[in-house]
Amino acid sequence: MENNGLKKYIVKGKKRRKRGKPLILDFDTNADDGGRFYSPEKVRRARDREDEKAIHIAAQRCQREVEKAEKAQALEERKAMRANAKEAKQLELAEKRRQKADSLATKQADQQLQNELQSTAKKGKKRLIYRLLKIQW
């Protein structure tokens, strides 16, 4: 009695299993198609080359991540600088508006005072003229 489900599961697991890459050895192009034998030294050198490649790739990946982090930091700094500049500009504009409103209010108060002085002066002249005219009559 066979368990087909278990067999399928085992076969599927074997297919899914990650296998290592074949070791790249220097192939002799003049050799016949028979079996090839490599010395332990050649195998060690090939493994060393693979390890160096892996280290080089990891270093490149690390360098890219560092560059990416630096770029993100520079972007954040630029955003902060822009936000600070925008805030400073808004404060400056608010200060200018306040100064303009103050100068306008001062100007209007001076104008009102001048108008009142002129109107009282005219009224005073009229009263004086009327008094003079009454006296002469």
N, C-alpha and C. Protein backbone atom coordinates (compact mmCIF):
# COMPACT_ATOMS: atom_id res chain seq x y z
N MET A 1 0.83 -1.17 0.00
CA MET A 1 0.00 0.00 0.00
C MET A 1 0.89 1.25 0.00
N GLU A 2 0.73 2.07 -1.02
CA GLU A 2 1.56 3.27 -1.15
C GLU A 2 0.73 4.51 -0.83
N ASN A 3 1.43 5.47 -0.32
CA ASN A 3 0.79 6.74 -0.01
C ASN A 3 1.17 7.74 -1.11
N ASN A 4 0.28 7.91 -2.08
CA ASN A 4 0.56 8.78 -3.24
C ASN A 4 0.71 10.23 -2.83
N GLY A 5 -0.07 10.67 -1.89
CA GLY A 5 0.01 12.07 -1.43
C GLY A 5 1.38 12.37 -0.84
N LEU A 6 1.89 11.43 -0.04
CA LEU A 6 3.20 11.62 0.56
C LEU A 6 4.29 11.64 -0.49
N LYS A 7 4.19 10.77 -1.50
CA LYS A 7 5.18 10.74 -2.58
C LYS A 7 5.18 12.09 -3.33
N LYS A 8 3.99 12.58 -3.65
CA LYS A 8 3.89 13.86 -4.36
C LYS A 8 4.50 14.99 -3.53
N TYR A 9 4.25 14.96 -2.21
CA TYR A 9 4.77 16.00 -1.33
C TYR A 9 6.30 15.96 -1.31
N ILE A 10 6.87 14.77 -1.25
CA ILE A 10 8.33 14.63 -1.22
C ILE A 10 8.94 15.09 -2.54
N VAL A 11 8.34 14.69 -3.66
CA VAL A 11 8.84 15.10 -4.97
C VAL A 11 8.76 16.62 -5.12
N LYS A 12 7.63 17.18 -4.68
CA LYS A 12 7.47 18.63 -4.76
C LYS A 12 8.50 19.34 -3.88
N GLY A 13 8.77 18.82 -2.71
CA GLY A 13 9.77 19.40 -1.81
C GLY A 13 11.16 19.34 -2.41
N LYS A 14 11.49 18.25 -3.07
CA LYS A 14 12.80 18.13 -3.69
C LYS A 14 12.96 19.13 -4.82
N LYS A 15 11.88 19.35 -5.57
CA LYS A 15 11.95 20.32 -6.67
C LYS A 15 12.11 21.74 -6.13
N ARG A 16 11.47 22.01 -5.01
CA ARG A 16 11.48 23.34 -4.43
C ARG A 16 12.80 23.64 -3.72
N ARG A 17 13.52 22.64 -3.30
CA ARG A 17 14.75 22.79 -2.54
C ARG A 17 15.76 23.63 -3.33
N LYS A 18 16.37 24.54 -2.66
CA LYS A 18 17.35 25.41 -3.31
C LYS A 18 18.68 24.67 -3.42
N ARG A 19 19.19 24.67 -4.58
CA ARG A 19 20.46 24.01 -4.82
C ARG A 19 21.53 25.05 -5.04
N GLY A 20 22.75 24.71 -4.70
CA GLY A 20 23.86 25.63 -4.89
C GLY A 20 24.22 25.75 -6.36
N LYS A 21 24.94 26.79 -6.68
CA LYS A 21 25.40 26.98 -8.05
C LYS A 21 26.57 26.04 -8.33
N PRO A 22 26.68 25.61 -9.56
CA PRO A 22 27.83 24.78 -9.87
C PRO A 22 29.11 25.61 -9.83
N LEU A 23 30.16 25.00 -9.42
CA LEU A 23 31.44 25.67 -9.31
C LEU A 23 32.03 25.86 -10.71
N ILE A 24 32.42 27.06 -11.03
CA ILE A 24 32.97 27.35 -12.36
C ILE A 24 34.47 27.10 -12.30
N LEU A 25 34.88 26.05 -12.98
CA LEU A 25 36.30 25.71 -13.04
C LEU A 25 36.81 26.02 -14.44
N ASP A 26 38.08 26.22 -14.54
CA ASP A 26 38.67 26.48 -15.85
C ASP A 26 38.63 25.18 -16.65
N PHE A 27 37.81 25.17 -17.68
CA PHE A 27 37.69 23.98 -18.50
C PHE A 27 38.77 23.96 -19.57
N ASP A 28 39.31 22.79 -19.77
CA ASP A 28 40.31 22.61 -20.81
C ASP A 28 39.57 22.33 -22.10
N THR A 29 39.68 23.20 -23.07
CA THR A 29 38.93 23.05 -24.32
C THR A 29 39.45 21.89 -25.17
N ASN A 30 40.67 21.47 -24.96
CA ASN A 30 41.24 20.38 -25.76
C ASN A 30 40.94 19.00 -25.17
N ALA A 31 40.33 18.98 -24.00
CA ALA A 31 40.09 17.69 -23.36
C ALA A 31 38.95 16.97 -24.07
N ASP A 32 38.99 15.66 -23.99
CA ASP A 32 37.92 14.88 -24.61
C ASP A 32 36.68 14.93 -23.73
N ASP A 33 35.61 14.33 -24.17
CA ASP A 33 34.35 14.40 -23.44
C ASP A 33 34.29 13.43 -22.27
N GLY A 34 35.36 12.85 -21.92
CA GLY A 34 35.38 11.91 -20.80
C GLY A 34 35.27 12.64 -19.47
N GLY A 35 35.35 11.93 -18.41
CA GLY A 35 35.28 12.52 -17.09
C GLY A 35 36.45 13.42 -16.81
N ARG A 36 36.21 14.46 -16.04
CA ARG A 36 37.26 15.42 -15.73
C ARG A 36 37.56 15.35 -14.25
N PHE A 37 38.80 15.42 -13.93
CA PHE A 37 39.23 15.41 -12.53
C PHE A 37 40.01 16.68 -12.27
N TYR A 38 39.71 17.32 -11.14
CA TYR A 38 40.38 18.56 -10.78
C TYR A 38 41.12 18.36 -9.47
N SER A 39 42.23 19.02 -9.38
CA SER A 39 43.01 18.91 -8.15
C SER A 39 42.33 19.72 -7.05
N PRO A 40 42.56 19.39 -5.80
CA PRO A 40 41.98 20.16 -4.70
C PRO A 40 42.37 21.64 -4.75
N GLU A 41 43.55 21.93 -5.27
CA GLU A 41 43.99 23.32 -5.38
C GLU A 41 43.12 24.10 -6.36
N LYS A 42 42.78 23.49 -7.49
CA LYS A 42 41.92 24.16 -8.47
C LYS A 42 40.53 24.38 -7.89
N VAL A 43 40.03 23.41 -7.18
CA VAL A 43 38.70 23.53 -6.57
C VAL A 43 38.73 24.65 -5.52
N ARG A 44 39.78 24.71 -4.71
CA ARG A 44 39.90 25.75 -3.69
C ARG A 44 39.96 27.13 -4.34
N ARG A 45 40.75 27.27 -5.42
CA ARG A 45 40.84 28.55 -6.11
C ARG A 45 39.50 28.97 -6.70
N ALA A 46 38.78 28.00 -7.28
CA ALA A 46 37.47 28.31 -7.84
C ALA A 46 36.50 28.77 -6.74
N ARG A 47 36.55 28.10 -5.59
CA ARG A 47 35.69 28.51 -4.47
C ARG A 47 36.09 29.89 -3.95
N ASP A 48 37.37 30.16 -3.92
CA ASP A 48 37.84 31.47 -3.48
C ASP A 48 37.34 32.56 -4.42
N ARG A 49 37.39 32.28 -5.75
CA ARG A 49 36.87 33.25 -6.73
C ARG A 49 35.39 33.50 -6.50
N GLU A 50 34.63 32.44 -6.26
CA GLU A 50 33.20 32.58 -6.02
C GLU A 50 32.96 33.40 -4.75
N ASP A 51 33.75 33.15 -3.72
CA ASP A 51 33.61 33.91 -2.48
C ASP A 51 33.94 35.38 -2.70
N GLU A 52 34.99 35.66 -3.46
CA GLU A 52 35.36 37.04 -3.77
C GLU A 52 34.25 37.75 -4.54
N LYS A 53 33.64 37.02 -5.50
CA LYS A 53 32.52 37.59 -6.26
C LYS A 53 31.37 37.93 -5.32
N ALA A 54 31.07 36.99 -4.42
CA ALA A 54 29.97 37.22 -3.49
C ALA A 54 30.26 38.42 -2.58
N ILE A 55 31.50 38.53 -2.11
CA ILE A 55 31.88 39.67 -1.27
C ILE A 55 31.79 40.96 -2.06
N HIS A 56 32.25 40.93 -3.31
CA HIS A 56 32.19 42.13 -4.16
C HIS A 56 30.74 42.56 -4.40
N ILE A 57 29.88 41.60 -4.67
CA ILE A 57 28.46 41.91 -4.90
C ILE A 57 27.83 42.47 -3.63
N ALA A 58 28.15 41.88 -2.48
CA ALA A 58 27.61 42.38 -1.21
C ALA A 58 28.11 43.79 -0.93
N ALA A 59 29.38 44.06 -1.24
CA ALA A 59 29.94 45.40 -1.04
C ALA A 59 29.24 46.42 -1.94
N GLN A 60 28.99 46.02 -3.18
CA GLN A 60 28.27 46.93 -4.08
C GLN A 60 26.87 47.21 -3.57
N ARG A 61 26.20 46.17 -3.12
CA ARG A 61 24.85 46.34 -2.58
C ARG A 61 24.87 47.26 -1.37
N CYS A 62 25.84 47.07 -0.50
CA CYS A 62 25.98 47.92 0.68
C CYS A 62 26.26 49.36 0.28
N GLN A 63 27.12 49.54 -0.71
CA GLN A 63 27.44 50.89 -1.20
C GLN A 63 26.20 51.57 -1.77
N ARG A 64 25.39 50.83 -2.52
CA ARG A 64 24.14 51.39 -3.07
C ARG A 64 23.20 51.80 -1.95
N GLU A 65 23.12 50.98 -0.90
CA GLU A 65 22.24 51.32 0.21
C GLU A 65 22.73 52.57 0.93
N VAL A 66 24.05 52.70 1.09
CA VAL A 66 24.60 53.89 1.73
C VAL A 66 24.31 55.12 0.88
N GLU A 67 24.52 55.01 -0.42
CA GLU A 67 24.24 56.14 -1.32
C GLU A 67 22.77 56.50 -1.28
N LYS A 68 21.92 55.50 -1.23
CA LYS A 68 20.48 55.74 -1.17
C LYS A 68 20.12 56.46 0.13
N ALA A 69 20.72 56.04 1.25
CA ALA A 69 20.46 56.69 2.53
C ALA A 69 20.95 58.14 2.52
N GLU A 70 22.14 58.36 1.94
CA GLU A 70 22.68 59.72 1.85
C GLU A 70 21.78 60.60 0.99
N LYS A 71 21.30 60.04 -0.10
CA LYS A 71 20.41 60.79 -0.99
C LYS A 71 19.11 61.15 -0.27
N ALA A 72 18.57 60.19 0.48
CA ALA A 72 17.34 60.45 1.23
C ALA A 72 17.57 61.52 2.30
N GLN A 73 18.73 61.47 2.96
CA GLN A 73 19.04 62.46 3.98
C GLN A 73 19.19 63.85 3.35
N ALA A 74 19.85 63.92 2.20
CA ALA A 74 20.00 65.20 1.51
C ALA A 74 18.64 65.74 1.10
N LEU A 75 17.77 64.85 0.65
CA LEU A 75 16.42 65.27 0.26
C LEU A 75 15.66 65.83 1.46
N GLU A 76 15.77 65.16 2.60
CA GLU A 76 15.11 65.63 3.81
C GLU A 76 15.66 66.99 4.24
N GLU A 77 16.98 67.16 4.12
CA GLU A 77 17.58 68.45 4.47
C GLU A 77 17.08 69.56 3.55
N ARG A 78 17.00 69.26 2.26
CA ARG A 78 16.49 70.26 1.31
C ARG A 78 15.03 70.61 1.63
N LYS A 79 14.24 69.59 1.97
CA LYS A 79 12.84 69.85 2.32
C LYS A 79 12.75 70.74 3.56
N ALA A 80 13.59 70.44 4.55
CA ALA A 80 13.58 71.24 5.78
C ALA A 80 14.02 72.67 5.50
N MET A 81 15.04 72.83 4.65
CA MET A 81 15.51 74.18 4.31
C MET A 81 14.41 74.95 3.58
N ARG A 82 13.72 74.27 2.65
CA ARG A 82 12.64 74.94 1.92
C ARG A 82 11.52 75.34 2.87
N ALA A 83 11.19 74.44 3.81
CA ALA A 83 10.13 74.75 4.76
C ALA A 83 10.52 75.94 5.64
N ASN A 84 11.78 75.96 6.10
CA ASN A 84 12.26 77.08 6.91
C ASN A 84 12.24 78.38 6.12
N ALA A 85 12.66 78.33 4.86
CA ALA A 85 12.67 79.52 4.02
C ALA A 85 11.24 80.02 3.78
N LYS A 86 10.33 79.08 3.57
CA LYS A 86 8.93 79.45 3.34
C LYS A 86 8.35 80.10 4.59
N GLU A 87 8.66 79.52 5.75
CA GLU A 87 8.15 80.08 7.00
C GLU A 87 8.73 81.47 7.24
N ALA A 88 10.02 81.64 6.98
CA ALA A 88 10.66 82.95 7.16
C ALA A 88 10.04 83.98 6.22
N LYS A 89 9.77 83.57 4.99
CA LYS A 89 9.16 84.48 4.02
C LYS A 89 7.75 84.89 4.47
N GLN A 90 7.00 83.91 5.00
CA GLN A 90 5.66 84.24 5.47
C GLN A 90 5.71 85.20 6.66
N LEU A 91 6.68 84.98 7.57
CA LEU A 91 6.83 85.89 8.70
C LEU A 91 7.21 87.29 8.22
N GLU A 92 8.10 87.34 7.23
CA GLU A 92 8.51 88.63 6.68
C GLU A 92 7.33 89.35 6.03
N LEU A 93 6.53 88.60 5.27
CA LEU A 93 5.35 89.21 4.63
C LEU A 93 4.35 89.68 5.67
N ALA A 94 4.16 88.91 6.73
CA ALA A 94 3.23 89.31 7.79
C ALA A 94 3.73 90.58 8.47
N GLU A 95 5.05 90.66 8.70
CA GLU A 95 5.64 91.86 9.31
C GLU A 95 5.45 93.06 8.39
N LYS A 96 5.66 92.89 7.09
CA LYS A 96 5.46 93.99 6.14
C LYS A 96 4.01 94.45 6.12
N ARG A 97 3.08 93.48 6.14
CA ARG A 97 1.65 93.84 6.16
C ARG A 97 1.31 94.62 7.43
N ARG A 98 1.87 94.15 8.56
CA ARG A 98 1.59 94.83 9.83
C ARG A 98 2.13 96.26 9.79
N GLN A 99 3.36 96.42 9.27
CA GLN A 99 3.95 97.75 9.17
C GLN A 99 3.13 98.65 8.24
N LYS A 100 2.66 98.07 7.13
CA LYS A 100 1.87 98.84 6.18
C LYS A 100 0.55 99.28 6.81
N ALA A 101 -0.06 98.34 7.55
CA ALA A 101 -1.32 98.67 8.22
C ALA A 101 -1.10 99.74 9.29
N ASP A 102 0.01 99.64 10.03
CA ASP A 102 0.33 100.65 11.04
C ASP A 102 0.56 102.01 10.40
N SER A 103 1.32 102.03 9.30
CA SER A 103 1.60 103.32 8.64
C SER A 103 0.31 103.91 8.05
N LEU A 104 -0.55 103.04 7.53
CA LEU A 104 -1.83 103.52 6.99
C LEU A 104 -2.70 104.08 8.10
N ALA A 105 -2.73 103.38 9.25
CA ALA A 105 -3.52 103.87 10.38
C ALA A 105 -2.97 105.20 10.88
N THR A 106 -1.65 105.32 10.94
CA THR A 106 -1.03 106.57 11.38
C THR A 106 -1.35 107.69 10.39
N LYS A 107 -1.26 107.38 9.13
CA LYS A 107 -1.55 108.38 8.08
C LYS A 107 -3.01 108.83 8.17
N GLN A 108 -3.91 107.85 8.35
CA GLN A 108 -5.33 108.21 8.46
C GLN A 108 -5.59 109.05 9.70
N ALA A 109 -4.92 108.72 10.82
CA ALA A 109 -5.10 109.50 12.05
C ALA A 109 -4.58 110.93 11.84
N ASP A 110 -3.43 111.06 11.19
CA ASP A 110 -2.90 112.40 10.90
C ASP A 110 -3.84 113.18 9.99
N GLN A 111 -4.37 112.51 8.98
CA GLN A 111 -5.30 113.16 8.06
C GLN A 111 -6.57 113.60 8.79
N GLN A 112 -7.08 112.74 9.67
CA GLN A 112 -8.28 113.07 10.45
C GLN A 112 -8.00 114.29 11.34
N LEU A 113 -6.81 114.29 11.95
CA LEU A 113 -6.44 115.41 12.81
C LEU A 113 -6.34 116.69 12.00
N GLN A 114 -5.72 116.61 10.83
CA GLN A 114 -5.62 117.79 9.96
C GLN A 114 -7.01 118.28 9.54
N ASN A 115 -7.89 117.34 9.20
CA ASN A 115 -9.25 117.73 8.80
C ASN A 115 -9.98 118.41 9.96
N GLU A 116 -9.82 117.86 11.16
CA GLU A 116 -10.48 118.47 12.31
C GLU A 116 -9.93 119.86 12.59
N LEU A 117 -8.60 119.99 12.48
CA LEU A 117 -7.99 121.31 12.69
C LEU A 117 -8.48 122.32 11.66
N GLN A 118 -8.55 121.88 10.43
CA GLN A 118 -9.01 122.78 9.38
C GLN A 118 -10.48 123.16 9.58
N SER A 119 -11.28 122.17 9.96
CA SER A 119 -12.70 122.45 10.14
C SER A 119 -12.91 123.37 11.34
N THR A 120 -12.17 123.13 12.42
CA THR A 120 -12.31 124.03 13.58
C THR A 120 -11.76 125.41 13.25
N ALA A 121 -10.72 125.46 12.47
CA ALA A 121 -10.16 126.76 12.09
C ALA A 121 -11.16 127.52 11.22
N LYS A 122 -11.83 126.83 10.30
CA LYS A 122 -12.82 127.48 9.45
C LYS A 122 -14.01 127.95 10.28
N LYS A 123 -14.43 127.09 11.21
CA LYS A 123 -15.54 127.48 12.07
C LYS A 123 -15.16 128.66 12.93
N GLY A 124 -13.92 128.64 13.42
CA GLY A 124 -13.45 129.76 14.25
C GLY A 124 -13.37 131.05 13.45
N LYS A 125 -12.93 130.97 12.21
CA LYS A 125 -12.86 132.16 11.35
C LYS A 125 -14.26 132.69 11.08
N LYS A 126 -15.20 131.76 10.79
CA LYS A 126 -16.56 132.18 10.51
C LYS A 126 -17.18 132.86 11.72
N ARG A 127 -16.94 132.27 12.88
CA ARG A 127 -17.47 132.87 14.10
C ARG A 127 -16.85 134.25 14.34
N LEU A 128 -15.56 134.34 14.09
CA LEU A 128 -14.87 135.61 14.26
C LEU A 128 -15.41 136.65 13.28
N ILE A 129 -15.65 136.21 12.06
CA ILE A 129 -16.18 137.13 11.04
C ILE A 129 -17.58 137.57 11.45
N TYR A 130 -18.40 136.65 11.91
CA TYR A 130 -19.74 137.02 12.32
C TYR A 130 -19.72 137.97 13.52
N ARG A 131 -18.82 137.77 14.43
CA ARG A 131 -18.71 138.62 15.58
C ARG A 131 -18.27 140.04 15.15
N LEU A 132 -17.31 140.04 14.25
CA LEU A 132 -16.84 141.34 13.76
C LEU A 132 -17.93 142.10 13.03
N LEU A 133 -18.68 141.33 12.25
CA LEU A 133 -19.74 141.97 11.51
C LEU A 133 -20.85 142.47 12.43
N LYS A 134 -21.12 141.76 13.49
CA LYS A 134 -22.14 142.18 14.42
C LYS A 134 -21.70 143.44 15.18
N ILE A 135 -20.44 143.50 15.49
CA ILE A 135 -19.92 144.63 16.22
C ILE A 135 -19.98 145.90 15.36
N GLN A 136 -19.63 145.71 14.07
CA GLN A 136 -19.62 146.87 13.21
C GLN A 136 -21.04 147.34 12.92
N TRP A 137 -21.97 146.58 13.04
CA TRP A 137 -23.33 147.00 12.74
C TRP A 137 -23.89 147.62 13.90
